[in-house]
Amino acid sequence: MVRLKAELEECLHKIDQIVSQTGVEPISALSEAKGVPTKYPKFRWIFPWFYSICAIGFLVLLWQRVADR
């Protein structure tokens, strides 16, 4: 997880360098966000819920299939 965060920050830094060298800052969304992002989207809760709901649904279908025999 830490490696992924470091790679993301490195990629964002390189993209920022490329944008500033090419002069497309006025039309880039990166011109508004300066610095290293310290907060990531708060959607981390979606993945556990999604997979939990899918697992429960799978187990219900499996139980229903076994119960029908």
PDB file of N, CA and C in Angstrom:
ATOM      1  N   MET A   1       0.831  -1.192   0.000  1.00  0.00           N
ATOM      2  CA  MET A   1       0.000   0.000   0.000  1.00  0.00           C
ATOM      3  C   MET A   1       0.877   1.258   0.000  1.00  0.00           C
ATOM      4  N   VAL A   2       1.936   1.214   0.789  1.00  0.00           N
ATOM      5  CA  VAL A   2       2.828   2.375   0.856  1.00  0.00           C
ATOM      6  C   VAL A   2       3.543   2.552  -0.476  1.00  0.00           C
ATOM      7  N   ARG A   3       3.932   1.422  -1.093  1.00  0.00           N
ATOM      8  CA  ARG A   3       4.610   1.495  -2.381  1.00  0.00           C
ATOM      9  C   ARG A   3       3.686   2.089  -3.432  1.00  0.00           C
ATOM     10  N   LEU A   4       2.429   1.687  -3.413  1.00  0.00           N
ATOM     11  CA  LEU A   4       1.458   2.208  -4.362  1.00  0.00           C
ATOM     12  C   LEU A   4       1.274   3.710  -4.194  1.00  0.00           C
ATOM     13  N   LYS A   5       1.219   4.168  -2.943  1.00  0.00           N
ATOM     14  CA  LYS A   5       1.077   5.600  -2.668  1.00  0.00           C
ATOM     15  C   LYS A   5       2.296   6.362  -3.169  1.00  0.00           C
ATOM     16  N   ALA A   6       3.483   5.796  -2.953  1.00  0.00           N
ATOM     17  CA  ALA A   6       4.714   6.447  -3.408  1.00  0.00           C
ATOM     18  C   ALA A   6       4.758   6.524  -4.933  1.00  0.00           C
ATOM     19  N   GLU A   7       4.339   5.435  -5.595  1.00  0.00           N
ATOM     20  CA  GLU A   7       4.329   5.439  -7.062  1.00  0.00           C
ATOM     21  C   GLU A   7       3.308   6.445  -7.595  1.00  0.00           C
ATOM     22  N   LEU A   8       2.159   6.551  -6.937  1.00  0.00           N
ATOM     23  CA  LEU A   8       1.149   7.516  -7.351  1.00  0.00           C
ATOM     24  C   LEU A   8       1.677   8.939  -7.224  1.00  0.00           C
ATOM     25  N   GLU A   9       2.309   9.234  -6.104  1.00  0.00           N
ATOM     26  CA  GLU A   9       2.856  10.581  -5.909  1.00  0.00           C
ATOM     27  C   GLU A   9       3.950  10.878  -6.920  1.00  0.00           C
ATOM     28  N   GLU A  10       4.772   9.878  -7.241  1.00  0.00           N
ATOM     29  CA  GLU A  10       5.833  10.075  -8.236  1.00  0.00           C
ATOM     30  C   GLU A  10       5.228  10.337  -9.616  1.00  0.00           C
ATOM     31  N   CYS A  11       4.198   9.581  -9.981  1.00  0.00           N
ATOM     32  CA  CYS A  11       3.546   9.787 -11.275  1.00  0.00           C
ATOM     33  C   CYS A  11       2.893  11.165 -11.358  1.00  0.00           C
ATOM     34  N   LEU A  12       2.224  11.564 -10.280  1.00  0.00           N
ATOM     35  CA  LEU A  12       1.602  12.890 -10.276  1.00  0.00           C
ATOM     36  C   LEU A  12       2.646  13.999 -10.389  1.00  0.00           C
ATOM     37  N   HIS A  13       3.785  13.800  -9.748  1.00  0.00           N
ATOM     38  CA  HIS A  13       4.858  14.791  -9.841  1.00  0.00           C
ATOM     39  C   HIS A  13       5.383  14.865 -11.280  1.00  0.00           C
ATOM     40  N   LYS A  14       5.565  13.723 -11.920  1.00  0.00           N
ATOM     41  CA  LYS A  14       6.051  13.711 -13.308  1.00  0.00           C
ATOM     42  C   LYS A  14       5.029  14.339 -14.251  1.00  0.00           C
ATOM     43  N   ILE A  15       3.751  14.057 -14.026  1.00  0.00           N
ATOM     44  CA  ILE A  15       2.707  14.676 -14.854  1.00  0.00           C
ATOM     45  C   ILE A  15       2.715  16.185 -14.671  1.00  0.00           C
ATOM     46  N   ASP A  16       2.888  16.638 -13.443  1.00  0.00           N
ATOM     47  CA  ASP A  16       2.956  18.078 -13.169  1.00  0.00           C
ATOM     48  C   ASP A  16       4.145  18.711 -13.890  1.00  0.00           C
ATOM     49  N   GLN A  17       5.294  18.030 -13.906  1.00  0.00           N
ATOM     50  CA  GLN A  17       6.465  18.537 -14.621  1.00  0.00           C
ATOM     51  C   GLN A  17       6.195  18.630 -16.116  1.00  0.00           C
ATOM     52  N   ILE A  18       5.584  17.593 -16.679  1.00  0.00           N
ATOM     53  CA  ILE A  18       5.303  17.582 -18.115  1.00  0.00           C
ATOM     54  C   ILE A  18       4.329  18.698 -18.474  1.00  0.00           C
ATOM     55  N   VAL A  19       3.307  18.884 -17.649  1.00  0.00           N
ATOM     56  CA  VAL A  19       2.316  19.929 -17.908  1.00  0.00           C
ATOM     57  C   VAL A  19       2.966  21.305 -17.856  1.00  0.00           C
ATOM     58  N   SER A  20       3.834  21.521 -16.864  1.00  0.00           N
ATOM     59  CA  SER A  20       4.473  22.842 -16.768  1.00  0.00           C
ATOM     60  C   SER A  20       5.478  23.070 -17.892  1.00  0.00           C
ATOM     61  N   GLN A  21       6.129  22.018 -18.377  1.00  0.00           N
ATOM     62  CA  GLN A  21       7.096  22.176 -19.475  1.00  0.00           C
ATOM     63  C   GLN A  21       6.410  22.427 -20.805  1.00  0.00           C
ATOM     64  N   THR A  22       5.252  21.840 -21.008  1.00  0.00           N
ATOM     65  CA  THR A  22       4.565  21.984 -22.294  1.00  0.00           C
ATOM     66  C   THR A  22       3.716  23.243 -22.372  1.00  0.00           C
ATOM     67  N   GLY A  23       3.415  23.846 -21.232  1.00  0.00           N
ATOM     68  CA  GLY A  23       2.656  25.092 -21.246  1.00  0.00           C
ATOM     69  C   GLY A  23       1.155  24.911 -21.364  1.00  0.00           C
ATOM     70  N   VAL A  24       0.648  23.748 -21.010  1.00  0.00           N
ATOM     71  CA  VAL A  24      -0.799  23.525 -21.076  1.00  0.00           C
ATOM     72  C   VAL A  24      -1.455  23.654 -19.705  1.00  0.00           C
ATOM     73  N   GLU A  25      -0.808  24.362 -18.799  1.00  0.00           N
ATOM     74  CA  GLU A  25      -1.358  24.539 -17.454  1.00  0.00           C
ATOM     75  C   GLU A  25      -2.743  25.200 -17.441  1.00  0.00           C
ATOM     76  N   PRO A  26      -3.003  26.179 -18.299  1.00  0.00           N
ATOM     77  CA  PRO A  26      -4.338  26.795 -18.236  1.00  0.00           C
ATOM     78  C   PRO A  26      -5.485  25.831 -18.537  1.00  0.00           C
ATOM     79  N   ILE A  27      -5.245  24.793 -19.338  1.00  0.00           N
ATOM     80  CA  ILE A  27      -6.328  23.862 -19.672  1.00  0.00           C
ATOM     81  C   ILE A  27      -6.221  22.554 -18.899  1.00  0.00           C
ATOM     82  N   SER A  28      -5.276  22.454 -17.984  1.00  0.00           N
ATOM     83  CA  SER A  28      -5.088  21.243 -17.197  1.00  0.00           C
ATOM     84  C   SER A  28      -5.732  21.380 -15.831  1.00  0.00           C
ATOM     85  N   ALA A  29      -6.316  20.286 -15.362  1.00  0.00           N
ATOM     86  CA  ALA A  29      -6.919  20.299 -14.026  1.00  0.00           C
ATOM     87  C   ALA A  29      -5.855  20.311 -12.942  1.00  0.00           C
ATOM     88  N   LEU A  30      -4.632  19.952 -13.302  1.00  0.00           N
ATOM     89  CA  LEU A  30      -3.559  19.926 -12.316  1.00  0.00           C
ATOM     90  C   LEU A  30      -3.109  21.325 -11.904  1.00  0.00           C
ATOM     91  N   SER A  31      -3.477  22.321 -12.694  1.00  0.00           N
ATOM     92  CA  SER A  31      -3.060  23.678 -12.339  1.00  0.00           C
ATOM     93  C   SER A  31      -3.765  24.161 -11.077  1.00  0.00           C
ATOM     94  N   GLU A  32      -4.930  23.586 -10.781  1.00  0.00           N
ATOM     95  CA  GLU A  32      -5.672  23.986  -9.581  1.00  0.00           C
ATOM     96  C   GLU A  32      -5.176  23.269  -8.334  1.00  0.00           C
ATOM     97  N   ALA A  33      -4.647  22.055  -8.497  1.00  0.00           N
ATOM     98  CA  ALA A  33      -4.199  21.250  -7.357  1.00  0.00           C
ATOM     99  C   ALA A  33      -2.681  21.298  -7.276  1.00  0.00           C
ATOM    100  N   LYS A  34      -2.184  22.033  -6.345  1.00  0.00           N
ATOM    101  CA  LYS A  34      -0.736  22.141  -6.166  1.00  0.00           C
ATOM    102  C   LYS A  34      -0.313  21.334  -4.951  1.00  0.00           C
ATOM    103  N   GLY A  35       0.897  20.846  -4.987  1.00  0.00           N
ATOM    104  CA  GLY A  35       1.423  20.072  -3.875  1.00  0.00           C
ATOM    105  C   GLY A  35       1.040  18.603  -3.976  1.00  0.00           C
ATOM    106  N   VAL A  36       1.559  17.844  -3.045  1.00  0.00           N
ATOM    107  CA  VAL A  36       1.273  16.415  -2.996  1.00  0.00           C
ATOM    108  C   VAL A  36      -0.067  16.209  -2.309  1.00  0.00           C
ATOM    109  N   PRO A  37      -0.931  15.421  -2.916  1.00  0.00           N
ATOM    110  CA  PRO A  37      -2.233  15.203  -2.271  1.00  0.00           C
ATOM    111  C   PRO A  37      -2.069  14.443  -0.964  1.00  0.00           C
ATOM    112  N   THR A  38      -2.562  15.040   0.109  1.00  0.00           N
ATOM    113  CA  THR A  38      -2.443  14.380   1.410  1.00  0.00           C
ATOM    114  C   THR A  38      -3.673  13.564   1.733  1.00  0.00           C
ATOM    115  N   LYS A  39      -4.795  13.905   1.103  1.00  0.00           N
ATOM    116  CA  LYS A  39      -6.026  13.154   1.343  1.00  0.00           C
ATOM    117  C   LYS A  39      -6.442  12.471   0.051  1.00  0.00           C
ATOM    118  N   TYR A  40      -6.788  11.236   0.176  1.00  0.00           N
ATOM    119  CA  TYR A  40      -7.275  10.478  -0.957  1.00  0.00           C
ATOM    120  C   TYR A  40      -8.790  10.381  -0.846  1.00  0.00           C
ATOM    121  N   PRO A  41      -9.458  10.027  -1.921  1.00  0.00           N
ATOM    122  CA  PRO A  41     -10.919   9.966  -1.867  1.00  0.00           C
ATOM    123  C   PRO A  41     -11.407   9.084  -0.727  1.00  0.00           C
ATOM    124  N   LYS A  42     -12.514   9.478  -0.166  1.00  0.00           N
ATOM    125  CA  LYS A  42     -13.057   8.750   0.976  1.00  0.00           C
ATOM    126  C   LYS A  42     -13.999   7.639   0.532  1.00  0.00           C
ATOM    127  N   PHE A  43     -13.659   6.996  -0.576  1.00  0.00           N
ATOM    128  CA  PHE A  43     -14.480   5.912  -1.096  1.00  0.00           C
ATOM    129  C   PHE A  43     -13.927   4.558  -0.704  1.00  0.00           C
ATOM    130  N   ARG A  44     -13.007   4.519   0.249  1.00  0.00           N
ATOM    131  CA  ARG A  44     -12.420   3.247   0.643  1.00  0.00           C
ATOM    132  C   ARG A  44     -13.456   2.319   1.249  1.00  0.00           C
ATOM    133  N   TRP A  45     -14.529   2.838   1.791  1.00  0.00           N
ATOM    134  CA  TRP A  45     -15.548   2.005   2.399  1.00  0.00           C
ATOM    135  C   TRP A  45     -16.380   1.284   1.359  1.00  0.00           C
ATOM    136  N   ILE A  46     -16.397   1.757   0.103  1.00  0.00           N
ATOM    137  CA  ILE A  46     -17.223   1.146  -0.937  1.00  0.00           C
ATOM    138  C   ILE A  46     -16.774  -0.284  -1.228  1.00  0.00           C
ATOM    139  N   PHE A  47     -15.473  -0.512  -1.305  1.00  0.00           N
ATOM    140  CA  PHE A  47     -14.984  -1.822  -1.705  1.00  0.00           C
ATOM    141  C   PHE A  47     -15.330  -2.921  -0.703  1.00  0.00           C
ATOM    142  N   PRO A  48     -15.103  -2.729   0.591  1.00  0.00           N
ATOM    143  CA  PRO A  48     -15.515  -3.791   1.519  1.00  0.00           C
ATOM    144  C   PRO A  48     -17.017  -4.047   1.495  1.00  0.00           C
ATOM    145  N   TRP A  49     -17.816  -2.990   1.405  1.00  0.00           N
ATOM    146  CA  TRP A  49     -19.268  -3.174   1.349  1.00  0.00           C
ATOM    147  C   TRP A  49     -19.677  -3.900   0.082  1.00  0.00           C
ATOM    148  N   PHE A  50     -19.104  -3.491  -1.037  1.00  0.00           N
ATOM    149  CA  PHE A  50     -19.447  -4.119  -2.318  1.00  0.00           C
ATOM    150  C   PHE A  50     -19.125  -5.608  -2.289  1.00  0.00           C
ATOM    151  N   TYR A  51     -17.925  -5.942  -1.853  1.00  0.00           N
ATOM    152  CA  TYR A  51     -17.539  -7.353  -1.839  1.00  0.00           C
ATOM    153  C   TYR A  51     -18.297  -8.133  -0.771  1.00  0.00           C
ATOM    154  N   SER A  52     -18.634  -7.518   0.330  1.00  0.00           N
ATOM    155  CA  SER A  52     -19.434  -8.193   1.357  1.00  0.00           C
ATOM    156  C   SER A  52     -20.828  -8.502   0.829  1.00  0.00           C
ATOM    157  N   ILE A  53     -21.440  -7.533   0.187  1.00  0.00           N
ATOM    158  CA  ILE A  53     -22.779  -7.736  -0.361  1.00  0.00           C
ATOM    159  C   ILE A  53     -22.754  -8.806  -1.450  1.00  0.00           C
ATOM    160  N   CYS A  54     -21.736  -8.765  -2.301  1.00  0.00           N
ATOM    161  CA  CYS A  54     -21.619  -9.781  -3.350  1.00  0.00           C
ATOM    162  C   CYS A  54     -21.402 -11.167  -2.747  1.00  0.00           C
ATOM    163  N   ALA A  55     -20.572 -11.266  -1.714  1.00  0.00           N
ATOM    164  CA  ALA A  55     -20.329 -12.560  -1.071  1.00  0.00           C
ATOM    165  C   ALA A  55     -21.600 -13.085  -0.412  1.00  0.00           C
ATOM    166  N   ILE A  56     -22.343 -12.203   0.238  1.00  0.00           N
ATOM    167  CA  ILE A  56     -23.600 -12.626   0.872  1.00  0.00           C
ATOM    168  C   ILE A  56     -24.595 -13.080  -0.201  1.00  0.00           C
ATOM    169  N   GLY A  57     -24.670 -12.333  -1.283  1.00  0.00           N
ATOM    170  CA  GLY A  57     -25.557 -12.730  -2.385  1.00  0.00           C
ATOM    171  C   GLY A  57     -25.170 -14.073  -2.967  1.00  0.00           C
ATOM    172  N   PHE A  58     -23.877 -14.312  -3.140  1.00  0.00           N
ATOM    173  CA  PHE A  58     -23.405 -15.598  -3.651  1.00  0.00           C
ATOM    174  C   PHE A  58     -23.758 -16.721  -2.695  1.00  0.00           C
ATOM    175  N   LEU A  59     -23.560 -16.488  -1.400  1.00  0.00           N
ATOM    176  CA  LEU A  59     -23.878 -17.519  -0.414  1.00  0.00           C
ATOM    177  C   LEU A  59     -25.378 -17.807  -0.377  1.00  0.00           C
ATOM    178  N   VAL A  60     -26.200 -16.779  -0.518  1.00  0.00           N
ATOM    179  CA  VAL A  60     -27.655 -16.983  -0.553  1.00  0.00           C
ATOM    180  C   VAL A  60     -28.036 -17.819  -1.773  1.00  0.00           C
ATOM    181  N   LEU A  61     -27.474 -17.489  -2.930  1.00  0.00           N
ATOM    182  CA  LEU A  61     -27.762 -18.271  -4.133  1.00  0.00           C
ATOM    183  C   LEU A  61     -27.267 -19.705  -4.001  1.00  0.00           C
ATOM    184  N   LEU A  62     -26.100 -19.877  -3.423  1.00  0.00           N
ATOM    185  CA  LEU A  62     -25.559 -21.222  -3.214  1.00  0.00           C
ATOM    186  C   LEU A  62     -26.440 -22.010  -2.246  1.00  0.00           C
ATOM    187  N   TRP A  63     -26.853 -21.368  -1.152  1.00  0.00           N
ATOM    188  CA  TRP A  63     -27.724 -22.028  -0.180  1.00  0.00           C
ATOM    189  C   TRP A  63     -29.062 -22.398  -0.813  1.00  0.00           C
ATOM    190  N   GLN A  64     -29.600 -21.502  -1.636  1.00  0.00           N
ATOM    191  CA  GLN A  64     -30.864 -21.764  -2.312  1.00  0.00           C
ATOM    192  C   GLN A  64     -30.730 -22.949  -3.269  1.00  0.00           C
ATOM    193  N   ARG A  65     -29.615 -23.022  -3.958  1.00  0.00           N
ATOM    194  CA  ARG A  65     -29.360 -24.127  -4.903  1.00  0.00           C
ATOM    195  C   ARG A  65     -29.258 -25.459  -4.157  1.00  0.00           C
ATOM    196  N   VAL A  66     -28.570 -25.443  -3.012  1.00  0.00           N
ATOM    197  CA  VAL A  66     -28.416 -26.660  -2.212  1.00  0.00           C
ATOM    198  C   VAL A  66     -29.754 -27.048  -1.595  1.00  0.00           C
ATOM    199  N   ALA A  67     -30.532 -26.073  -1.168  1.00  0.00           N
ATOM    200  CA  ALA A  67     -31.821 -26.353  -0.537  1.00  0.00           C
ATOM    201  C   ALA A  67     -32.829 -26.913  -1.526  1.00  0.00           C
ATOM    202  N   ASP A  68     -32.714 -26.579  -2.814  1.00  0.00           N
ATOM    203  CA  ASP A  68     -33.648 -27.062  -3.819  1.00  0.00           C
ATOM    204  C   ASP A  68     -33.421 -28.525  -4.190  1.00  0.00           C
ATOM    205  N   ARG A  69     -32.271 -29.083  -3.819  1.00  0.00           N
ATOM    206  CA  ARG A  69     -31.985 -30.486  -4.186  1.00  0.00           C
ATOM    207  C   ARG A  69     -32.749 -31.385  -3.349  1.00  0.00           C
TER     208      ARG A  69
END
